[in-house]
Amino acid sequence: MRAVTVYRLDSDSHTGYHARYPIGAVLELRKYERVDNHKELLRMARRLFALDAAGVVQIVIDDPARRTYLPEMSLGQGGR
């Protein structure tokens, strides 16, 4: 299981750079890497976190090269 951070871009900053503010995360449950993993996660993040149709372009996700893995629950942990 992999957690991917979702950011909102702020284009109104006075520096001329786009500032990224973390607003949440989406979890990737696929065990194997596929061709369109990044694109599908971005589509899901935009569906969950965009406030309106214009805000869709302001939603970005973390770079797939930077991976954060969450520990998976094994059968011996926290069971019944």
PDB file of N, CA and C in Angstrom:
ATOM      1  N   MET A   1       0.849  -1.163   0.000  1.00  0.00           N
ATOM      2  CA  MET A   1       0.000   0.000   0.000  1.00  0.00           C
ATOM      3  C   MET A   1       0.902   1.235   0.000  1.00  0.00           C
ATOM      4  N   ARG A   2       0.575   2.203  -0.829  1.00  0.00           N
ATOM      5  CA  ARG A   2       1.408   3.388  -0.959  1.00  0.00           C
ATOM      6  C   ARG A   2       0.548   4.623  -0.784  1.00  0.00           C
ATOM      7  N   ALA A   3       0.989   5.569   0.036  1.00  0.00           N
ATOM      8  CA  ALA A   3       0.295   6.834   0.227  1.00  0.00           C
ATOM      9  C   ALA A   3       0.920   7.880  -0.691  1.00  0.00           C
ATOM     10  N   VAL A   4       0.075   8.576  -1.433  1.00  0.00           N
ATOM     11  CA  VAL A   4       0.528   9.627  -2.341  1.00  0.00           C
ATOM     12  C   VAL A   4      -0.081  10.942  -1.868  1.00  0.00           C
ATOM     13  N   THR A   5       0.751  11.931  -1.590  1.00  0.00           N
ATOM     14  CA  THR A   5       0.281  13.214  -1.096  1.00  0.00           C
ATOM     15  C   THR A   5      -0.358  14.021  -2.210  1.00  0.00           C
ATOM     16  N   VAL A   6      -1.478  14.669  -1.879  1.00  0.00           N
ATOM     17  CA  VAL A   6      -2.209  15.516  -2.819  1.00  0.00           C
ATOM     18  C   VAL A   6      -1.965  16.967  -2.424  1.00  0.00           C
ATOM     19  N   TYR A   7      -1.636  17.810  -3.420  1.00  0.00           N
ATOM     20  CA  TYR A   7      -1.330  19.219  -3.181  1.00  0.00           C
ATOM     21  C   TYR A   7      -2.274  20.118  -3.973  1.00  0.00           C
ATOM     22  N   ARG A   8      -2.499  21.314  -3.441  1.00  0.00           N
ATOM     23  CA  ARG A   8      -3.195  22.356  -4.181  1.00  0.00           C
ATOM     24  C   ARG A   8      -2.162  23.425  -4.538  1.00  0.00           C
ATOM     25  N   LEU A   9      -2.114  23.793  -5.806  1.00  0.00           N
ATOM     26  CA  LEU A   9      -1.180  24.822  -6.259  1.00  0.00           C
ATOM     27  C   LEU A   9      -1.743  26.202  -5.973  1.00  0.00           C
ATOM     28  N   ASP A  10      -0.897  27.082  -5.477  1.00  0.00           N
ATOM     29  CA  ASP A  10      -1.280  28.467  -5.240  1.00  0.00           C
ATOM     30  C   ASP A  10      -0.557  29.331  -6.259  1.00  0.00           C
ATOM     31  N   SER A  11      -1.284  29.848  -7.229  1.00  0.00           N
ATOM     32  CA  SER A  11      -0.661  30.672  -8.270  1.00  0.00           C
ATOM     33  C   SER A  11      -0.726  32.157  -7.933  1.00  0.00           C
ATOM     34  N   ASP A  12      -1.282  32.503  -6.781  1.00  0.00           N
ATOM     35  CA  ASP A  12      -1.395  33.907  -6.393  1.00  0.00           C
ATOM     36  C   ASP A  12      -0.241  34.388  -5.534  1.00  0.00           C
ATOM     37  N   SER A  13       0.799  33.610  -5.428  1.00  0.00           N
ATOM     38  CA  SER A  13       1.923  34.018  -4.594  1.00  0.00           C
ATOM     39  C   SER A  13       2.694  35.161  -5.261  1.00  0.00           C
ATOM     40  N   HIS A  14       3.299  35.993  -4.463  1.00  0.00           N
ATOM     41  CA  HIS A  14       3.998  37.175  -4.969  1.00  0.00           C
ATOM     42  C   HIS A  14       5.393  36.866  -5.501  1.00  0.00           C
ATOM     43  N   THR A  15       5.856  35.660  -5.287  1.00  0.00           N
ATOM     44  CA  THR A  15       7.207  35.308  -5.713  1.00  0.00           C
ATOM     45  C   THR A  15       7.276  34.905  -7.175  1.00  0.00           C
ATOM     46  N   GLY A  16       6.147  34.603  -7.780  1.00  0.00           N
ATOM     47  CA  GLY A  16       6.137  34.157  -9.164  1.00  0.00           C
ATOM     48  C   GLY A  16       6.235  32.662  -9.302  1.00  0.00           C
ATOM     49  N   TYR A  17       6.485  31.963  -8.190  1.00  0.00           N
ATOM     50  CA  TYR A  17       6.549  30.506  -8.194  1.00  0.00           C
ATOM     51  C   TYR A  17       5.212  29.947  -7.712  1.00  0.00           C
ATOM     52  N   HIS A  18       4.927  28.731  -8.116  1.00  0.00           N
ATOM     53  CA  HIS A  18       3.731  28.060  -7.624  1.00  0.00           C
ATOM     54  C   HIS A  18       4.044  27.398  -6.296  1.00  0.00           C
ATOM     55  N   ALA A  19       3.302  27.764  -5.267  1.00  0.00           N
ATOM     56  CA  ALA A  19       3.466  27.133  -3.963  1.00  0.00           C
ATOM     57  C   ALA A  19       2.540  25.924  -3.888  1.00  0.00           C
ATOM     58  N   ARG A  20       3.038  24.824  -3.306  1.00  0.00           N
ATOM     59  CA  ARG A  20       2.238  23.608  -3.155  1.00  0.00           C
ATOM     60  C   ARG A  20       1.873  23.446  -1.686  1.00  0.00           C
ATOM     61  N   TYR A  21       0.576  23.321  -1.414  1.00  0.00           N
ATOM     62  CA  TYR A  21       0.091  23.121  -0.058  1.00  0.00           C
ATOM     63  C   TYR A  21      -0.558  21.746   0.041  1.00  0.00           C
ATOM     64  N   PRO A  22      -0.092  20.880   0.948  1.00  0.00           N
ATOM     65  CA  PRO A  22      -0.685  19.545   1.069  1.00  0.00           C
ATOM     66  C   PRO A  22      -2.112  19.635   1.603  1.00  0.00           C
ATOM     67  N   ILE A  23      -3.034  18.940   0.948  1.00  0.00           N
ATOM     68  CA  ILE A  23      -4.435  18.970   1.361  1.00  0.00           C
ATOM     69  C   ILE A  23      -4.979  17.581   1.692  1.00  0.00           C
ATOM     70  N   GLY A  24      -4.206  16.537   1.431  1.00  0.00           N
ATOM     71  CA  GLY A  24      -4.674  15.191   1.730  1.00  0.00           C
ATOM     72  C   GLY A  24      -3.783  14.144   1.111  1.00  0.00           C
ATOM     73  N   ALA A  25      -4.305  12.935   1.039  1.00  0.00           N
ATOM     74  CA  ALA A  25      -3.555  11.817   0.463  1.00  0.00           C
ATOM     75  C   ALA A  25      -4.533  10.834  -0.162  1.00  0.00           C
ATOM     76  N   VAL A  26      -4.052  10.118  -1.158  1.00  0.00           N
ATOM     77  CA  VAL A  26      -4.792   8.999  -1.738  1.00  0.00           C
ATOM     78  C   VAL A  26      -3.923   7.758  -1.572  1.00  0.00           C
ATOM     79  N   LEU A  27      -4.563   6.619  -1.418  1.00  0.00           N
ATOM     80  CA  LEU A  27      -3.845   5.376  -1.223  1.00  0.00           C
ATOM     81  C   LEU A  27      -3.886   4.549  -2.487  1.00  0.00           C
ATOM     82  N   GLU A  28      -2.727   4.067  -2.872  1.00  0.00           N
ATOM     83  CA  GLU A  28      -2.643   3.166  -4.014  1.00  0.00           C
ATOM     84  C   GLU A  28      -2.602   1.743  -3.478  1.00  0.00           C
ATOM     85  N   LEU A  29      -3.587   0.963  -3.867  1.00  0.00           N
ATOM     86  CA  LEU A  29      -3.689  -0.395  -3.361  1.00  0.00           C
ATOM     87  C   LEU A  29      -3.169  -1.430  -4.341  1.00  0.00           C
ATOM     88  N   ARG A  30      -2.745  -1.013  -5.508  1.00  0.00           N
ATOM     89  CA  ARG A  30      -2.214  -1.955  -6.498  1.00  0.00           C
ATOM     90  C   ARG A  30      -0.866  -2.479  -6.035  1.00  0.00           C
ATOM     91  N   LYS A  31      -0.669  -3.768  -6.187  1.00  0.00           N
ATOM     92  CA  LYS A  31       0.592  -4.367  -5.755  1.00  0.00           C
ATOM     93  C   LYS A  31       1.665  -4.283  -6.825  1.00  0.00           C
ATOM     94  N   TYR A  32       1.253  -4.193  -8.088  1.00  0.00           N
ATOM     95  CA  TYR A  32       2.211  -4.161  -9.192  1.00  0.00           C
ATOM     96  C   TYR A  32       2.103  -2.842  -9.940  1.00  0.00           C
ATOM     97  N   GLU A  33       3.219  -2.343 -10.397  1.00  0.00           N
ATOM     98  CA  GLU A  33       3.264  -1.092 -11.156  1.00  0.00           C
ATOM     99  C   GLU A  33       2.667  -1.316 -12.537  1.00  0.00           C
ATOM    100  N   ARG A  34       1.794  -0.417 -12.930  1.00  0.00           N
ATOM    101  CA  ARG A  34       1.197  -0.468 -14.259  1.00  0.00           C
ATOM    102  C   ARG A  34       1.554   0.799 -15.006  1.00  0.00           C
ATOM    103  N   VAL A  35       1.199   0.858 -16.255  1.00  0.00           N
ATOM    104  CA  VAL A  35       1.586   1.988 -17.101  1.00  0.00           C
ATOM    105  C   VAL A  35       0.934   3.288 -16.640  1.00  0.00           C
ATOM    106  N   ASP A  36      -0.328   3.241 -16.259  1.00  0.00           N
ATOM    107  CA  ASP A  36      -1.064   4.472 -15.979  1.00  0.00           C
ATOM    108  C   ASP A  36      -1.393   4.667 -14.495  1.00  0.00           C
ATOM    109  N   ASN A  37      -0.597   4.138 -13.583  1.00  0.00           N
ATOM    110  CA  ASN A  37      -0.848   4.324 -12.154  1.00  0.00           C
ATOM    111  C   ASN A  37      -0.900   5.794 -11.767  1.00  0.00           C
ATOM    112  N   HIS A  38       0.083   6.564 -12.196  1.00  0.00           N
ATOM    113  CA  HIS A  38       0.171   7.971 -11.824  1.00  0.00           C
ATOM    114  C   HIS A  38      -1.029   8.741 -12.361  1.00  0.00           C
ATOM    115  N   LYS A  39      -1.409   8.477 -13.588  1.00  0.00           N
ATOM    116  CA  LYS A  39      -2.534   9.182 -14.203  1.00  0.00           C
ATOM    117  C   LYS A  39      -3.848   8.845 -13.497  1.00  0.00           C
ATOM    118  N   GLU A  40      -4.037   7.585 -13.129  1.00  0.00           N
ATOM    119  CA  GLU A  40      -5.266   7.173 -12.450  1.00  0.00           C
ATOM    120  C   GLU A  40      -5.338   7.748 -11.034  1.00  0.00           C
ATOM    121  N   LEU A  41      -4.200   7.813 -10.328  1.00  0.00           N
ATOM    122  CA  LEU A  41      -4.196   8.417  -8.999  1.00  0.00           C
ATOM    123  C   LEU A  41      -4.482   9.911  -9.072  1.00  0.00           C
ATOM    124  N   LEU A  42      -3.948  10.585 -10.090  1.00  0.00           N
ATOM    125  CA  LEU A  42      -4.224  12.007 -10.263  1.00  0.00           C
ATOM    126  C   LEU A  42      -5.704  12.232 -10.566  1.00  0.00           C
ATOM    127  N   ARG A  43      -6.277  11.391 -11.390  1.00  0.00           N
ATOM    128  CA  ARG A  43      -7.707  11.511 -11.707  1.00  0.00           C
ATOM    129  C   ARG A  43      -8.553  11.317 -10.447  1.00  0.00           C
ATOM    130  N   MET A  44      -8.206  10.334  -9.610  1.00  0.00           N
ATOM    131  CA  MET A  44      -8.952  10.099  -8.388  1.00  0.00           C
ATOM    132  C   MET A  44      -8.790  11.258  -7.405  1.00  0.00           C
ATOM    133  N   ALA A  45      -7.571  11.794  -7.293  1.00  0.00           N
ATOM    134  CA  ALA A  45      -7.328  12.923  -6.387  1.00  0.00           C
ATOM    135  C   ALA A  45      -8.102  14.157  -6.836  1.00  0.00           C
ATOM    136  N   ARG A  46      -8.146  14.410  -8.129  1.00  0.00           N
ATOM    137  CA  ARG A  46      -8.903  15.561  -8.630  1.00  0.00           C
ATOM    138  C   ARG A  46     -10.392  15.385  -8.390  1.00  0.00           C
ATOM    139  N   ARG A  47     -10.885  14.160  -8.510  1.00  0.00           N
ATOM    140  CA  ARG A  47     -12.298  13.895  -8.262  1.00  0.00           C
ATOM    141  C   ARG A  47     -12.640  14.111  -6.790  1.00  0.00           C
ATOM    142  N   LEU A  48     -11.718  13.756  -5.887  1.00  0.00           N
ATOM    143  CA  LEU A  48     -11.987  13.866  -4.455  1.00  0.00           C
ATOM    144  C   LEU A  48     -11.780  15.277  -3.895  1.00  0.00           C
ATOM    145  N   PHE A  49     -10.746  15.990  -4.384  1.00  0.00           N
ATOM    146  CA  PHE A  49     -10.329  17.215  -3.718  1.00  0.00           C
ATOM    147  C   PHE A  49     -10.639  18.509  -4.475  1.00  0.00           C
ATOM    148  N   ALA A  50     -11.059  18.435  -5.724  1.00  0.00           N
ATOM    149  CA  ALA A  50     -11.358  19.667  -6.467  1.00  0.00           C
ATOM    150  C   ALA A  50     -12.668  20.262  -5.969  1.00  0.00           C
ATOM    151  N   LEU A  51     -12.681  21.561  -5.761  1.00  0.00           N
ATOM    152  CA  LEU A  51     -13.880  22.231  -5.274  1.00  0.00           C
ATOM    153  C   LEU A  51     -14.871  22.522  -6.395  1.00  0.00           C
ATOM    154  N   ASP A  52     -14.356  22.802  -7.585  1.00  0.00           N
ATOM    155  CA  ASP A  52     -15.206  23.055  -8.743  1.00  0.00           C
ATOM    156  C   ASP A  52     -14.431  22.672  -9.997  1.00  0.00           C
ATOM    157  N   ALA A  53     -15.047  22.879 -11.152  1.00  0.00           N
ATOM    158  CA  ALA A  53     -14.408  22.475 -12.410  1.00  0.00           C
ATOM    159  C   ALA A  53     -13.138  23.272 -12.684  1.00  0.00           C
ATOM    160  N   ALA A  54     -13.109  24.530 -12.276  1.00  0.00           N
ATOM    161  CA  ALA A  54     -11.925  25.353 -12.499  1.00  0.00           C
ATOM    162  C   ALA A  54     -10.780  24.963 -11.554  1.00  0.00           C
ATOM    163  N   GLY A  55     -11.104  24.402 -10.417  1.00  0.00           N
ATOM    164  CA  GLY A  55     -10.081  24.026  -9.449  1.00  0.00           C
ATOM    165  C   GLY A  55      -9.392  22.713  -9.748  1.00  0.00           C
ATOM    166  N   VAL A  56      -9.853  22.014 -10.768  1.00  0.00           N
ATOM    167  CA  VAL A  56      -9.265  20.717 -11.107  1.00  0.00           C
ATOM    168  C   VAL A  56      -7.806  20.857 -11.506  1.00  0.00           C
ATOM    169  N   VAL A  57      -7.473  21.899 -12.230  1.00  0.00           N
ATOM    170  CA  VAL A  57      -6.096  22.068 -12.705  1.00  0.00           C
ATOM    171  C   VAL A  57      -5.145  22.452 -11.580  1.00  0.00           C
ATOM    172  N   GLN A  58      -5.667  22.856 -10.420  1.00  0.00           N
ATOM    173  CA  GLN A  58      -4.814  23.236  -9.295  1.00  0.00           C
ATOM    174  C   GLN A  58      -4.448  22.051  -8.409  1.00  0.00           C
ATOM    175  N   ILE A  59      -5.019  20.888  -8.671  1.00  0.00           N
ATOM    176  CA  ILE A  59      -4.746  19.697  -7.868  1.00  0.00           C
ATOM    177  C   ILE A  59      -3.629  18.894  -8.534  1.00  0.00           C
ATOM    178  N   VAL A  60      -2.561  18.628  -7.790  1.00  0.00           N
ATOM    179  CA  VAL A  60      -1.447  17.809  -8.277  1.00  0.00           C
ATOM    180  C   VAL A  60      -1.129  16.771  -7.210  1.00  0.00           C
ATOM    181  N   ILE A  61      -0.430  15.717  -7.608  1.00  0.00           N
ATOM    182  CA  ILE A  61      -0.016  14.702  -6.646  1.00  0.00           C
ATOM    183  C   ILE A  61       1.502  14.629  -6.609  1.00  0.00           C
ATOM    184  N   ASP A  62       1.999  13.956  -5.610  1.00  0.00           N
ATOM    185  CA  ASP A  62       3.429  13.831  -5.390  1.00  0.00           C
ATOM    186  C   ASP A  62       4.096  13.082  -6.542  1.00  0.00           C
ATOM    187  N   ASP A  63       5.361  13.335  -6.721  1.00  0.00           N
ATOM    188  CA  ASP A  63       6.151  12.678  -7.760  1.00  0.00           C
ATOM    189  C   ASP A  63       6.208  11.179  -7.495  1.00  0.00           C
ATOM    190  N   PRO A  64       5.940  10.335  -8.502  1.00  0.00           N
ATOM    191  CA  PRO A  64       5.952   8.888  -8.255  1.00  0.00           C
ATOM    192  C   PRO A  64       7.330   8.337  -7.891  1.00  0.00           C
ATOM    193  N   ALA A  65       8.384   9.090  -8.141  1.00  0.00           N
ATOM    194  CA  ALA A  65       9.725   8.618  -7.779  1.00  0.00           C
ATOM    195  C   ALA A  65       9.930   8.655  -6.263  1.00  0.00           C
ATOM    196  N   ARG A  66       9.226   9.582  -5.582  1.00  0.00           N
ATOM    197  CA  ARG A  66       9.305   9.670  -4.128  1.00  0.00           C
ATOM    198  C   ARG A  66       8.203   8.803  -3.548  1.00  0.00           C
ATOM    199  N   ARG A  67       8.554   7.675  -3.002  1.00  0.00           N
ATOM    200  CA  ARG A  67       7.551   6.718  -2.548  1.00  0.00           C
ATOM    201  C   ARG A  67       7.475   6.686  -1.032  1.00  0.00           C
ATOM    202  N   THR A  68       6.269   6.655  -0.522  1.00  0.00           N
ATOM    203  CA  THR A  68       6.022   6.484   0.895  1.00  0.00           C
ATOM    204  C   THR A  68       5.164   5.251   1.059  1.00  0.00           C
ATOM    205  N   TYR A  69       5.694   4.247   1.720  1.00  0.00           N
ATOM    206  CA  TYR A  69       4.961   3.003   1.908  1.00  0.00           C
ATOM    207  C   TYR A  69       4.387   2.955   3.311  1.00  0.00           C
ATOM    208  N   LEU A  70       3.148   2.548   3.413  1.00  0.00           N
ATOM    209  CA  LEU A  70       2.515   2.342   4.701  1.00  0.00           C
ATOM    210  C   LEU A  70       2.650   0.872   5.064  1.00  0.00           C
ATOM    211  N   PRO A  71       2.825   0.575   6.344  1.00  0.00           N
ATOM    212  CA  PRO A  71       2.947  -0.834   6.729  1.00  0.00           C
ATOM    213  C   PRO A  71       1.619  -1.551   6.507  1.00  0.00           C
ATOM    214  N   GLU A  72       1.700  -2.720   5.908  1.00  0.00           N
ATOM    215  CA  GLU A  72       0.490  -3.515   5.694  1.00  0.00           C
ATOM    216  C   GLU A  72       0.221  -4.326   6.944  1.00  0.00           C
ATOM    217  N   MET A  73      -1.032  -4.540   7.198  1.00  0.00           N
ATOM    218  CA  MET A  73      -1.417  -5.291   8.381  1.00  0.00           C
ATOM    219  C   MET A  73      -1.275  -6.786   8.097  1.00  0.00           C
ATOM    220  N   SER A  74      -0.517  -7.467   8.915  1.00  0.00           N
ATOM    221  CA  SER A  74      -0.372  -8.907   8.732  1.00  0.00           C
ATOM    222  C   SER A  74      -1.448  -9.617   9.567  1.00  0.00           C
ATOM    223  N   LEU A  75      -1.548 -10.900   9.399  1.00  0.00           N
ATOM    224  CA  LEU A  75      -2.590 -11.650  10.089  1.00  0.00           C
ATOM    225  C   LEU A  75      -2.383 -11.666  11.607  1.00  0.00           C
ATOM    226  N   GLY A  76      -1.150 -11.529  12.063  1.00  0.00           N
ATOM    227  CA  GLY A  76      -0.870 -11.573  13.496  1.00  0.00           C
ATOM    228  C   GLY A  76      -1.099 -10.260  14.217  1.00  0.00           C
ATOM    229  N   GLN A  77      -1.278  -9.164  13.523  1.00  0.00           N
ATOM    230  CA  GLN A  77      -1.407  -7.853  14.158  1.00  0.00           C
ATOM    231  C   GLN A  77      -2.878  -7.466  14.291  1.00  0.00           C
ATOM    232  N   GLY A  78      -3.265  -7.020  15.431  1.00  0.00           N
ATOM    233  CA  GLY A  78      -4.558  -6.412  15.668  1.00  0.00           C
ATOM    234  C   GLY A  78      -5.746  -7.194  15.144  1.00  0.00           C
ATOM    235  N   GLY A  79      -5.658  -8.442  15.129  1.00  0.00           N
ATOM    236  CA  GLY A  79      -6.699  -9.289  14.564  1.00  0.00           C
ATOM    237  C   GLY A  79      -8.013  -9.206  15.326  1.00  0.00           C
ATOM    238  N   ARG A  80      -8.597 -10.304  15.525  1.00  0.00           N
ATOM    239  CA  ARG A  80      -9.940 -10.398  16.095  1.00  0.00           C
ATOM    240  C   ARG A  80      -9.990 -10.136  17.531  1.00  0.00           C
TER     241      ARG A  80
END
